[in-house]
Structure formats: structure tokens, C-alpha cells
PDB file of N, CA and C in Angstrom:
ATOM      1  N   MET A   1     160.463  70.546 173.856  1.00  0.00           N
ATOM      2  CA  MET A   1     159.403  71.530 173.861  1.00  0.00           C
ATOM      3  C   MET A   1     158.438  71.204 174.999  1.00  0.00           C
ATOM      4  N   SER A   2     157.949  72.219 175.693  1.00  0.00           N
ATOM      5  CA  SER A   2     157.072  71.990 176.835  1.00  0.00           C
ATOM      6  C   SER A   2     155.680  71.554 176.394  1.00  0.00           C
ATOM      7  N   ASN A   3     154.948  70.971 177.324  1.00  0.00           N
ATOM      8  CA  ASN A   3     153.609  70.479 177.027  1.00  0.00           C
ATOM      9  C   ASN A   3     152.525  71.520 177.249  1.00  0.00           C
ATOM     10  N   GLU A   4     152.911  72.744 177.600  1.00  0.00           N
ATOM     11  CA  GLU A   4     151.920  73.792 177.824  1.00  0.00           C
ATOM     12  C   GLU A   4     151.288  74.189 176.494  1.00  0.00           C
ATOM     13  N   SER A   5     149.959  74.372 176.506  1.00  0.00           N
ATOM     14  CA  SER A   5     149.284  74.783 175.284  1.00  0.00           C
ATOM     15  C   SER A   5     149.415  76.291 175.117  1.00  0.00           C
ATOM     16  N   LYS A   6     149.539  76.706 173.890  1.00  0.00           N
ATOM     17  CA  LYS A   6     149.688  78.122 173.590  1.00  0.00           C
ATOM     18  C   LYS A   6     148.347  78.829 173.812  1.00  0.00           C
ATOM     19  N   ILE A   7     148.399  80.022 174.372  1.00  0.00           N
ATOM     20  CA  ILE A   7     147.172  80.800 174.589  1.00  0.00           C
ATOM     21  C   ILE A   7     146.669  81.297 173.243  1.00  0.00           C
ATOM     22  N   LYS A   8     145.388  80.999 172.951  1.00  0.00           N
ATOM     23  CA  LYS A   8     144.807  81.382 171.674  1.00  0.00           C
ATOM     24  C   LYS A   8     143.984  82.651 171.840  1.00  0.00           C
ATOM     25  N   ARG A   9     144.047  83.513 170.835  1.00  0.00           N
ATOM     26  CA  ARG A   9     143.279  84.752 170.878  1.00  0.00           C
ATOM     27  C   ARG A   9     141.800  84.454 170.669  1.00  0.00           C
ATOM     28  N   THR A  10     140.961  85.125 171.439  1.00  0.00           N
ATOM     29  CA  THR A  10     139.517  85.009 171.294  1.00  0.00           C
ATOM     30  C   THR A  10     138.963  86.397 171.005  1.00  0.00           C
ATOM     31  N   LEU A  11     138.181  86.513 169.940  1.00  0.00           N
ATOM     32  CA  LEU A  11     137.606  87.796 169.550  1.00  0.00           C
ATOM     33  C   LEU A  11     136.113  87.637 169.329  1.00  0.00           C
ATOM     34  N   GLN A  12     135.418  88.770 169.317  1.00  0.00           N
ATOM     35  CA  GLN A  12     133.981  88.767 169.114  1.00  0.00           C
ATOM     36  C   GLN A  12     133.665  89.687 167.936  1.00  0.00           C
ATOM     37  N   GLY A  13     132.786  89.232 167.042  1.00  0.00           N
ATOM     38  CA  GLY A  13     132.470  90.025 165.871  1.00  0.00           C
ATOM     39  C   GLY A  13     131.088  89.711 165.345  1.00  0.00           C
ATOM     40  N   LYS A  14     130.766  90.328 164.203  1.00  0.00           N
ATOM     41  CA  LYS A  14     129.440  90.197 163.596  1.00  0.00           C
ATOM     42  C   LYS A  14     129.564  89.459 162.260  1.00  0.00           C
ATOM     43  N   VAL A  15     128.681  88.487 162.038  1.00  0.00           N
ATOM     44  CA  VAL A  15     128.689  87.733 160.789  1.00  0.00           C
ATOM     45  C   VAL A  15     128.087  88.604 159.691  1.00  0.00           C
ATOM     46  N   VAL A  16     128.857  88.806 158.609  1.00  0.00           N
ATOM     47  CA  VAL A  16     128.362  89.624 157.500  1.00  0.00           C
ATOM     48  C   VAL A  16     128.052  88.790 156.265  1.00  0.00           C
ATOM     49  N   SER A  17     128.524  87.525 156.229  1.00  0.00           N
ATOM     50  CA  SER A  17     128.222  86.655 155.096  1.00  0.00           C
ATOM     51  C   SER A  17     128.305  85.198 155.533  1.00  0.00           C
ATOM     52  N   ASN A  18     127.336  84.396 155.053  1.00  0.00           N
ATOM     53  CA  ASN A  18     127.373  82.948 155.311  1.00  0.00           C
ATOM     54  C   ASN A  18     127.078  82.167 154.036  1.00  0.00           C
ATOM     55  N   LYS A  19     127.474  82.717 152.908  1.00  0.00           N
ATOM     56  CA  LYS A  19     127.162  82.107 151.622  1.00  0.00           C
ATOM     57  C   LYS A  19     128.027  80.885 151.313  1.00  0.00           C
ATOM     58  N   MET A  20     129.184  80.774 151.962  1.00  0.00           N
ATOM     59  CA  MET A  20     130.080  79.653 151.708  1.00  0.00           C
ATOM     60  C   MET A  20     129.698  78.454 152.574  1.00  0.00           C
ATOM     61  N   ASP A  21     130.149  77.272 152.157  1.00  0.00           N
ATOM     62  CA  ASP A  21     129.864  76.062 152.915  1.00  0.00           C
ATOM     63  C   ASP A  21     130.841  75.942 154.085  1.00  0.00           C
ATOM     64  N   LYS A  22     130.310  75.841 155.305  1.00  0.00           N
ATOM     65  CA  LYS A  22     131.085  75.699 156.543  1.00  0.00           C
ATOM     66  C   LYS A  22     132.036  76.875 156.795  1.00  0.00           C
ATOM     67  N   THR A  23     131.746  78.031 156.214  1.00  0.00           N
ATOM     68  CA  THR A  23     132.582  79.214 156.403  1.00  0.00           C
ATOM     69  C   THR A  23     131.696  80.436 156.543  1.00  0.00           C
ATOM     70  N   VAL A  24     132.063  81.309 157.472  1.00  0.00           N
ATOM     71  CA  VAL A  24     131.378  82.593 157.622  1.00  0.00           C
ATOM     72  C   VAL A  24     132.414  83.710 157.572  1.00  0.00           C
ATOM     73  N   THR A  25     131.975  84.878 157.130  1.00  0.00           N
ATOM     74  CA  THR A  25     132.827  86.061 157.149  1.00  0.00           C
ATOM     75  C   THR A  25     132.425  86.881 158.355  1.00  0.00           C
ATOM     76  N   VAL A  26     133.399  87.190 159.209  1.00  0.00           N
ATOM     77  CA  VAL A  26     133.136  87.904 160.458  1.00  0.00           C
ATOM     78  C   VAL A  26     133.809  89.270 160.400  1.00  0.00           C
ATOM     79  N   LEU A  27     133.046  90.323 160.737  1.00  0.00           N
ATOM     80  CA  LEU A  27     133.563  91.684 160.780  1.00  0.00           C
ATOM     81  C   LEU A  27     134.004  91.988 162.203  1.00  0.00           C
ATOM     82  N   LEU A  28     135.291  92.297 162.366  1.00  0.00           N
ATOM     83  CA  LEU A  28     135.849  92.632 163.668  1.00  0.00           C
ATOM     84  C   LEU A  28     136.094  94.135 163.707  1.00  0.00           C
ATOM     85  N   GLU A  29     135.530  94.814 164.704  1.00  0.00           N
ATOM     86  CA  GLU A  29     135.708  96.255 164.837  1.00  0.00           C
ATOM     87  C   GLU A  29     136.485  96.557 166.102  1.00  0.00           C
ATOM     88  N   ARG A  30     137.352  97.560 166.021  1.00  0.00           N
ATOM     89  CA  ARG A  30     138.120  97.987 167.183  1.00  0.00           C
ATOM     90  C   ARG A  30     138.270  99.501 167.153  1.00  0.00           C
ATOM     91  N   SER A  31     138.433 100.086 168.320  1.00  0.00           N
ATOM     92  CA  SER A  31     138.637 101.526 168.442  1.00  0.00           C
ATOM     93  C   SER A  31     140.103 101.787 168.718  1.00  0.00           C
ATOM     94  N   VAL A  32     140.694 102.678 167.941  1.00  0.00           N
ATOM     95  CA  VAL A  32     142.096 103.035 168.124  1.00  0.00           C
ATOM     96  C   VAL A  32     142.228 104.546 168.193  1.00  0.00           C
ATOM     97  N   LYS A  33     143.261 104.986 168.853  1.00  0.00           N
ATOM     98  CA  LYS A  33     143.532 106.410 168.968  1.00  0.00           C
ATOM     99  C   LYS A  33     144.402 106.842 167.790  1.00  0.00           C
ATOM    100  N   HIS A  34     144.023 107.935 167.119  1.00  0.00           N
ATOM    101  CA  HIS A  34     144.807 108.441 166.004  1.00  0.00           C
ATOM    102  C   HIS A  34     146.181 108.867 166.512  1.00  0.00           C
ATOM    103  N   PRO A  35     147.255 108.464 165.830  1.00  0.00           N
ATOM    104  CA  PRO A  35     148.591 108.739 166.360  1.00  0.00           C
ATOM    105  C   PRO A  35     148.946 110.222 166.478  1.00  0.00           C
ATOM    106  N   LEU A  36     148.423 111.054 165.595  1.00  0.00           N
ATOM    107  CA  LEU A  36     148.762 112.472 165.637  1.00  0.00           C
ATOM    108  C   LEU A  36     147.703 113.311 166.341  1.00  0.00           C
ATOM    109  N   TYR A  37     146.447 113.107 165.989  1.00  0.00           N
ATOM    110  CA  TYR A  37     145.381 113.982 166.484  1.00  0.00           C
ATOM    111  C   TYR A  37     144.724 113.500 167.763  1.00  0.00           C
ATOM    112  N   GLY A  38     144.879 112.229 168.103  1.00  0.00           N
ATOM    113  CA  GLY A  38     144.353 111.731 169.367  1.00  0.00           C
ATOM    114  C   GLY A  38     142.889 111.359 169.364  1.00  0.00           C
ATOM    115  N   LYS A  39     142.201 111.555 168.243  1.00  0.00           N
ATOM    116  CA  LYS A  39     140.785 111.211 168.173  1.00  0.00           C
ATOM    117  C   LYS A  39     140.618 109.685 168.108  1.00  0.00           C
ATOM    118  N   ILE A  40     139.588 109.171 168.770  1.00  0.00           N
ATOM    119  CA  ILE A  40     139.287 107.744 168.734  1.00  0.00           C
ATOM    120  C   ILE A  40     138.552 107.460 167.425  1.00  0.00           C
ATOM    121  N   ILE A  41     139.100 106.543 166.625  1.00  0.00           N
ATOM    122  CA  ILE A  41     138.492 106.198 165.344  1.00  0.00           C
ATOM    123  C   ILE A  41     138.239 104.693 165.281  1.00  0.00           C
ATOM    124  N   GLN A  42     137.282 104.293 164.434  1.00  0.00           N
ATOM    125  CA  GLN A  42     136.909 102.894 164.285  1.00  0.00           C
ATOM    126  C   GLN A  42     137.710 102.265 163.149  1.00  0.00           C
ATOM    127  N   ARG A  43     138.276 101.097 163.400  1.00  0.00           N
ATOM    128  CA  ARG A  43     138.949 100.307 162.380  1.00  0.00           C
ATOM    129  C   ARG A  43     138.257  98.949 162.325  1.00  0.00           C
ATOM    130  N   SER A  44     138.169  98.376 161.121  1.00  0.00           N
ATOM    131  CA  SER A  44     137.501  97.087 161.001  1.00  0.00           C
ATOM    132  C   SER A  44     138.325  96.148 160.130  1.00  0.00           C
ATOM    133  N   THR A  45     138.135  94.852 160.354  1.00  0.00           N
ATOM    134  CA  THR A  45     138.811  93.803 159.613  1.00  0.00           C
ATOM    135  C   THR A  45     137.812  92.682 159.365  1.00  0.00           C
ATOM    136  N   LYS A  46     137.854  92.106 158.173  1.00  0.00           N
ATOM    137  CA  LYS A  46     137.021  90.946 157.867  1.00  0.00           C
ATOM    138  C   LYS A  46     137.895  89.703 157.859  1.00  0.00           C
ATOM    139  N   VAL A  47     137.441  88.662 158.553  1.00  0.00           N
ATOM    140  CA  VAL A  47     138.163  87.389 158.569  1.00  0.00           C
ATOM    141  C   VAL A  47     137.188  86.261 158.240  1.00  0.00           C
ATOM    142  N   HIS A  48     137.726  85.174 157.706  1.00  0.00           N
ATOM    143  CA  HIS A  48     136.929  83.980 157.462  1.00  0.00           C
ATOM    144  C   HIS A  48     137.085  83.047 158.654  1.00  0.00           C
ATOM    145  N   ALA A  49     135.968  82.469 159.092  1.00  0.00           N
ATOM    146  CA  ALA A  49     135.983  81.567 160.239  1.00  0.00           C
ATOM    147  C   ALA A  49     135.269  80.264 159.883  1.00  0.00           C
ATOM    148  N   HIS A  50     135.757  79.164 160.444  1.00  0.00           N
ATOM    149  CA  HIS A  50     135.185  77.842 160.197  1.00  0.00           C
ATOM    150  C   HIS A  50     133.937  77.647 161.051  1.00  0.00           C
ATOM    151  N   ASP A  51     132.828  77.289 160.399  1.00  0.00           N
ATOM    152  CA  ASP A  51     131.552  77.047 161.077  1.00  0.00           C
ATOM    153  C   ASP A  51     131.102  75.632 160.700  1.00  0.00           C
ATOM    154  N   GLU A  52     131.441  74.659 161.532  1.00  0.00           N
ATOM    155  CA  GLU A  52     131.247  73.249 161.205  1.00  0.00           C
ATOM    156  C   GLU A  52     129.793  72.892 160.931  1.00  0.00           C
ATOM    157  N   GLU A  53     128.853  73.411 161.727  1.00  0.00           N
ATOM    158  CA  GLU A  53     127.444  73.027 161.587  1.00  0.00           C
ATOM    159  C   GLU A  53     126.641  73.936 160.663  1.00  0.00           C
ATOM    160  N   ASN A  54     127.255  74.928 160.056  1.00  0.00           N
ATOM    161  CA  ASN A  54     126.542  75.919 159.236  1.00  0.00           C
ATOM    162  C   ASN A  54     125.391  76.543 160.025  1.00  0.00           C
ATOM    163  N   SER A  55     125.616  76.862 161.297  1.00  0.00           N
ATOM    164  CA  SER A  55     124.545  77.354 162.167  1.00  0.00           C
ATOM    165  C   SER A  55     124.472  78.874 162.241  1.00  0.00           C
ATOM    166  N   CYS A  56     125.480  79.575 161.753  1.00  0.00           N
ATOM    167  CA  CYS A  56     125.493  81.037 161.841  1.00  0.00           C
ATOM    168  C   CYS A  56     124.717  81.659 160.687  1.00  0.00           C
ATOM    169  N   ASN A  57     124.028  82.755 160.984  1.00  0.00           N
ATOM    170  CA  ASN A  57     123.317  83.528 159.973  1.00  0.00           C
ATOM    171  C   ASN A  57     123.855  84.948 159.971  1.00  0.00           C
ATOM    172  N   GLU A  58     123.537  85.698 158.932  1.00  0.00           N
ATOM    173  CA  GLU A  58     123.987  87.088 158.838  1.00  0.00           C
ATOM    174  C   GLU A  58     123.407  87.896 159.988  1.00  0.00           C
ATOM    175  N   GLY A  59     124.240  88.724 160.589  1.00  0.00           N
ATOM    176  CA  GLY A  59     123.806  89.572 161.684  1.00  0.00           C
ATOM    177  C   GLY A  59     124.059  88.991 163.062  1.00  0.00           C
ATOM    178  N   ASP A  60     124.415  87.715 163.154  1.00  0.00           N
ATOM    179  CA  ASP A  60     124.707  87.099 164.450  1.00  0.00           C
ATOM    180  C   ASP A  60     126.005  87.657 165.026  1.00  0.00           C
ATOM    181  N   ARG A  61     126.051  87.763 166.362  1.00  0.00           N
ATOM    182  CA  ARG A  61     127.303  88.102 167.042  1.00  0.00           C
ATOM    183  C   ARG A  61     127.922  86.784 167.480  1.00  0.00           C
ATOM    184  N   VAL A  62     129.177  86.562 167.088  1.00  0.00           N
ATOM    185  CA  VAL A  62     129.828  85.290 167.378  1.00  0.00           C
ATOM    186  C   VAL A  62     131.167  85.506 168.072  1.00  0.00           C
ATOM    187  N   LYS A  63     131.596  84.480 168.789  1.00  0.00           N
ATOM    188  CA  LYS A  63     132.907  84.468 169.415  1.00  0.00           C
ATOM    189  C   LYS A  63     133.770  83.519 168.597  1.00  0.00           C
ATOM    190  N   ILE A  64     134.943  84.004 168.156  1.00  0.00           N
ATOM    191  CA  ILE A  64     135.840  83.182 167.347  1.00  0.00           C
ATOM    192  C   ILE A  64     137.185  83.042 168.052  1.00  0.00           C
ATOM    193  N   VAL A  65     137.881  81.959 167.747  1.00  0.00           N
ATOM    194  CA  VAL A  65     139.166  81.682 168.370  1.00  0.00           C
ATOM    195  C   VAL A  65     140.163  81.290 167.277  1.00  0.00           C
ATOM    196  N   GLU A  66     141.428  81.624 167.482  1.00  0.00           N
ATOM    197  CA  GLU A  66     142.478  81.237 166.544  1.00  0.00           C
ATOM    198  C   GLU A  66     142.589  79.722 166.493  1.00  0.00           C
ATOM    199  N   SER A  67     142.860  79.188 165.312  1.00  0.00           N
ATOM    200  CA  SER A  67     142.983  77.739 165.186  1.00  0.00           C
ATOM    201  C   SER A  67     143.996  77.419 164.091  1.00  0.00           C
ATOM    202  N   ARG A  68     144.082  76.141 163.789  1.00  0.00           N
ATOM    203  CA  ARG A  68     144.991  75.727 162.723  1.00  0.00           C
ATOM    204  C   ARG A  68     144.467  76.258 161.384  1.00  0.00           C
ATOM    205  N   PRO A  69     145.315  76.382 160.377  1.00  0.00           N
ATOM    206  CA  PRO A  69     144.825  76.831 159.070  1.00  0.00           C
ATOM    207  C   PRO A  69     143.924  75.790 158.416  1.00  0.00           C
ATOM    208  N   TYR A  70     142.686  76.175 158.143  1.00  0.00           N
ATOM    209  CA  TYR A  70     141.758  75.300 157.431  1.00  0.00           C
ATOM    210  C   TYR A  70     141.922  75.448 155.930  1.00  0.00           C
ATOM    211  N   SER A  71     142.338  76.628 155.492  1.00  0.00           N
ATOM    212  CA  SER A  71     142.587  76.898 154.085  1.00  0.00           C
ATOM    213  C   SER A  71     143.541  78.082 153.999  1.00  0.00           C
ATOM    214  N   LYS A  72     143.720  78.597 152.802  1.00  0.00           N
ATOM    215  CA  LYS A  72     144.642  79.725 152.597  1.00  0.00           C
ATOM    216  C   LYS A  72     144.235  80.951 153.410  1.00  0.00           C
ATOM    217  N   SER A  73     142.934  81.208 153.509  1.00  0.00           N
ATOM    218  CA  SER A  73     142.471  82.427 154.176  1.00  0.00           C
ATOM    219  C   SER A  73     141.686  82.181 155.460  1.00  0.00           C
ATOM    220  N   LYS A  74     141.534  80.917 155.863  1.00  0.00           N
ATOM    221  CA  LYS A  74     140.673  80.597 157.008  1.00  0.00           C
ATOM    222  C   LYS A  74     141.487  80.022 158.157  1.00  0.00           C
ATOM    223  N   THR A  75     141.740  80.861 159.194  1.00  0.00           N
ATOM    224  CA  THR A  75     142.523  80.416 160.348  1.00  0.00           C
ATOM    225  C   THR A  75     141.809  80.696 161.666  1.00  0.00           C
ATOM    226  N   TRP A  76     140.504  80.914 161.608  1.00  0.00           N
ATOM    227  CA  TRP A  76     139.694  81.148 162.804  1.00  0.00           C
ATOM    228  C   TRP A  76     138.582  80.124 162.850  1.00  0.00           C
ATOM    229  N   LYS A  77     138.040  79.891 164.053  1.00  0.00           N
ATOM    230  CA  LYS A  77     136.969  78.911 164.239  1.00  0.00           C
ATOM    231  C   LYS A  77     135.888  79.530 165.117  1.00  0.00           C
ATOM    232  N   VAL A  78     134.620  79.332 164.753  1.00  0.00           N
ATOM    233  CA  VAL A  78     133.501  79.836 165.555  1.00  0.00           C
ATOM    234  C   VAL A  78     133.352  78.950 166.785  1.00  0.00           C
ATOM    235  N   VAL A  79     133.391  79.588 167.976  1.00  0.00           N
ATOM    236  CA  VAL A  79     133.271  78.847 169.228  1.00  0.00           C
ATOM    237  C   VAL A  79     131.829  78.834 169.704  1.00  0.00           C
ATOM    238  N   GLU A  80     131.192  80.014 169.682  1.00  0.00           N
ATOM    239  CA  GLU A  80     129.799  80.093 170.121  1.00  0.00           C
ATOM    240  C   GLU A  80     129.105  81.278 169.476  1.00  0.00           C
ATOM    241  N   ILE A  81     127.786  81.182 169.430  1.00  0.00           N
ATOM    242  CA  ILE A  81     126.970  82.296 168.944  1.00  0.00           C
ATOM    243  C   ILE A  81     126.502  83.045 170.183  1.00  0.00           C
ATOM    244  N   VAL A  82     126.970  84.278 170.330  1.00  0.00           N
ATOM    245  CA  VAL A  82     126.659  85.077 171.509  1.00  0.00           C
ATOM    246  C   VAL A  82     125.237  85.608 171.443  1.00  0.00           C
ATOM    247  N   GLU A  83     124.853  86.117 170.259  1.00  0.00           N
ATOM    248  CA  GLU A  83     123.523  86.723 170.103  1.00  0.00           C
ATOM    249  C   GLU A  83     123.034  86.466 168.688  1.00  0.00           C
ATOM    250  N   ARG A  84     121.803  85.995 168.581  1.00  0.00           N
ATOM    251  CA  ARG A  84     121.199  85.766 167.271  1.00  0.00           C
ATOM    252  C   ARG A  84     120.688  87.075 166.681  1.00  0.00           C
ATOM    253  N   ALA A  85     120.649  87.145 165.349  1.00  0.00           N
ATOM    254  CA  ALA A  85     120.121  88.328 164.666  1.00  0.00           C
ATOM    255  C   ALA A  85     118.617  88.400 164.844  1.00  0.00           C
ATOM    256  N   GLN A  86     118.076  89.611 164.826  1.00  0.00           N
ATOM    257  CA  GLN A  86     116.633  89.800 164.993  1.00  0.00           C
ATOM    258  C   GLN A  86     115.883  89.381 163.744  1.00  0.00           C
TER     259      GLN A  86
END
């Protein structure tokens, strides 16, 4: 097997919950074209991300990256806080 590291996906989303210890729930939104009608519609997904320092608060915009599985539902890691909530 080669020594090249696999390219990891990086996404940006909004923190909607930080009630868990070292875990935040991030809302990821994307725009997709409807397959039949062609209208641009919004789709969203919630993922759990690992937040080692418990530094994220609700409303923050964060950058997350794919990582090893931390638990059954947590396979993302917070890399940086792009914008703090007002």
C-alpha cells in the first residue's frame, strides 16, 4: 500500500447543539437542482463532530473534516471556528 495520505473531505456548517461532552451537532446545508423541475432547493444534514476543547457554542460557523470513527455516529472533527455567534 502506498504512503500517500487519503484526501479528507472538508465541509463548513453551523453548530446547532453543544449539549454533549466534546461533541457538537453541525447542520450542513447544500443547494441541489430538482431532478424533474430544475428548481434549486435546499437540503440539509445534521452530523456529530468531535470538539476536543468544548470551545464551540450554538450558532458558530465551523469547519469540519472527516476523521476516524470516534463513536457509532461521530466521524467528523472540528478543525476551526470560522465565525463566532453574535
